[in-house]
């Protein structure tokens, strides 16, 4: 029986804006982390690794897309 993902990202984007300039840190990321799984996040410098971890940890909100942790959509939660 497949396990329920502990974390799931669906078409997640994070775009930082400075004035009228947009800097996309993540572009359409899809990821599913199984409850019984183990992952390693690797990639080149400036590829969005810390940004993705901040989003999964609910320290930041995505510009668009959905993030679920333990079945709860955290991407729409308020600051409280």
C-alpha atoms as a PDB file:
ATOM      1  CA  UNK A   1       0.000   0.000   0.000  1.00  0.00           C
ATOM      2  CA  UNK A   2       1.556   3.341  -1.031  1.00  0.00           C
ATOM      3  CA  UNK A   3       2.185   5.817   1.758  1.00  0.00           C
ATOM      4  CA  UNK A   4       0.646   9.295   1.839  1.00  0.00           C
ATOM      5  CA  UNK A   5       3.190  12.012   0.986  1.00  0.00           C
ATOM      6  CA  UNK A   6       4.407  13.977   3.991  1.00  0.00           C
ATOM      7  CA  UNK A   7       5.075  16.963   1.710  1.00  0.00           C
ATOM      8  CA  UNK A   8       3.918  17.789  -1.786  1.00  0.00           C
ATOM      9  CA  UNK A   9       4.585  20.761  -4.048  1.00  0.00           C
ATOM     10  CA  UNK A  10       2.326  21.311  -7.051  1.00  0.00           C
ATOM     11  CA  UNK A  11       3.458  23.741  -9.749  1.00  0.00           C
ATOM     12  CA  UNK A  12       5.174  25.973  -7.168  1.00  0.00           C
ATOM     13  CA  UNK A  13       6.658  29.279  -8.246  1.00  0.00           C
ATOM     14  CA  UNK A  14       8.516  31.831  -6.144  1.00  0.00           C
ATOM     15  CA  UNK A  15       9.183  35.156  -7.779  1.00  0.00           C
ATOM     16  CA  UNK A  16      11.004  37.921  -5.942  1.00  0.00           C
ATOM     17  CA  UNK A  17      10.265  41.460  -7.097  1.00  0.00           C
ATOM     18  CA  UNK A  18      12.595  44.404  -6.714  1.00  0.00           C
ATOM     19  CA  UNK A  19      10.930  47.461  -8.144  1.00  0.00           C
ATOM     20  CA  UNK A  20       9.667  46.472 -11.581  1.00  0.00           C
ATOM     21  CA  UNK A  21      12.193  43.639 -11.996  1.00  0.00           C
ATOM     22  CA  UNK A  22      11.158  40.033 -11.327  1.00  0.00           C
ATOM     23  CA  UNK A  23      13.616  37.344 -10.223  1.00  0.00           C
ATOM     24  CA  UNK A  24      12.144  33.823 -10.425  1.00  0.00           C
ATOM     25  CA  UNK A  25      13.741  31.573  -7.793  1.00  0.00           C
ATOM     26  CA  UNK A  26      11.489  28.573  -8.493  1.00  0.00           C
ATOM     27  CA  UNK A  27       9.603  27.851 -11.706  1.00  0.00           C
ATOM     28  CA  UNK A  28       6.830  25.272 -11.644  1.00  0.00           C
ATOM     29  CA  UNK A  29       8.326  22.833  -9.134  1.00  0.00           C
ATOM     30  CA  UNK A  30       6.485  19.537  -8.602  1.00  0.00           C
ATOM     31  CA  UNK A  31       7.730  17.325  -5.778  1.00  0.00           C
ATOM     32  CA  UNK A  32       6.320  14.582  -3.602  1.00  0.00           C
ATOM     33  CA  UNK A  33       8.145  13.394  -0.480  1.00  0.00           C
ATOM     34  CA  UNK A  34       6.894  10.054   0.813  1.00  0.00           C
ATOM     35  CA  UNK A  35       6.311   9.642   4.528  1.00  0.00           C
ATOM     36  CA  UNK A  36       8.654   6.640   4.591  1.00  0.00           C
ATOM     37  CA  UNK A  37      11.129   8.197   2.170  1.00  0.00           C
ATOM     38  CA  UNK A  38      14.415   9.986   2.394  1.00  0.00           C
ATOM     39  CA  UNK A  39      15.544  12.671  -0.042  1.00  0.00           C
ATOM     40  CA  UNK A  40      18.560  14.812  -0.704  1.00  0.00           C
ATOM     41  CA  UNK A  41      18.219  18.205  -2.357  1.00  0.00           C
ATOM     42  CA  UNK A  42      21.208  19.011  -4.536  1.00  0.00           C
ATOM     43  CA  UNK A  43      21.836  21.416  -7.352  1.00  0.00           C
ATOM     44  CA  UNK A  44      24.033  24.232  -8.545  1.00  0.00           C
ATOM     45  CA  UNK A  45      24.382  27.535  -6.748  1.00  0.00           C
ATOM     46  CA  UNK A  46      21.389  29.854  -7.183  1.00  0.00           C
ATOM     47  CA  UNK A  47      19.045  27.008  -8.181  1.00  0.00           C
ATOM     48  CA  UNK A  48      16.475  27.663  -5.424  1.00  0.00           C
ATOM     49  CA  UNK A  49      17.297  24.985  -2.832  1.00  0.00           C
ATOM     50  CA  UNK A  50      16.942  27.217   0.270  1.00  0.00           C
ATOM     51  CA  UNK A  51      13.880  28.905  -1.244  1.00  0.00           C
ATOM     52  CA  UNK A  52      12.167  25.532  -1.650  1.00  0.00           C
ATOM     53  CA  UNK A  53      13.032  24.519   1.928  1.00  0.00           C
ATOM     54  CA  UNK A  54      11.690  27.836   3.259  1.00  0.00           C
ATOM     55  CA  UNK A  55       8.425  27.218   1.419  1.00  0.00           C
ATOM     56  CA  UNK A  56       8.073  23.644   2.698  1.00  0.00           C
ATOM     57  CA  UNK A  57       8.818  24.882   6.230  1.00  0.00           C
ATOM     58  CA  UNK A  58       6.099  27.578   5.914  1.00  0.00           C
ATOM     59  CA  UNK A  59       8.647  30.354   6.424  1.00  0.00           C
ATOM     60  CA  UNK A  60       7.579  31.942   3.137  1.00  0.00           C
ATOM     61  CA  UNK A  61       4.631  31.751   0.735  1.00  0.00           C
ATOM     62  CA  UNK A  62       4.808  30.748  -2.921  1.00  0.00           C
ATOM     63  CA  UNK A  63       3.983  33.256  -5.641  1.00  0.00           C
ATOM     64  CA  UNK A  64       1.745  30.572  -7.131  1.00  0.00           C
ATOM     65  CA  UNK A  65       1.131  26.872  -6.750  1.00  0.00           C
ATOM     66  CA  UNK A  66       0.156  24.669  -3.819  1.00  0.00           C
ATOM     67  CA  UNK A  67       2.164  23.190  -0.953  1.00  0.00           C
ATOM     68  CA  UNK A  68       0.823  20.428   1.276  1.00  0.00           C
ATOM     69  CA  UNK A  69       2.449  19.201   4.482  1.00  0.00           C
ATOM     70  CA  UNK A  70       0.881  16.191   6.162  1.00  0.00           C
ATOM     71  CA  UNK A  71      -2.235  16.684   4.015  1.00  0.00           C
ATOM     72  CA  UNK A  72      -2.741  20.354   4.969  1.00  0.00           C
ATOM     73  CA  UNK A  73      -2.393  23.041   2.312  1.00  0.00           C
ATOM     74  CA  UNK A  74       0.071  25.418   3.934  1.00  0.00           C
ATOM     75  CA  UNK A  75       0.471  27.669   0.889  1.00  0.00           C
ATOM     76  CA  UNK A  76      -2.776  29.481   1.744  1.00  0.00           C
ATOM     77  CA  UNK A  77      -2.305  29.788   5.502  1.00  0.00           C
ATOM     78  CA  UNK A  78      -2.361  33.233   7.062  1.00  0.00           C
ATOM     79  CA  UNK A  79       0.537  34.668   9.051  1.00  0.00           C
ATOM     80  CA  UNK A  80      -0.938  33.500  12.346  1.00  0.00           C
END
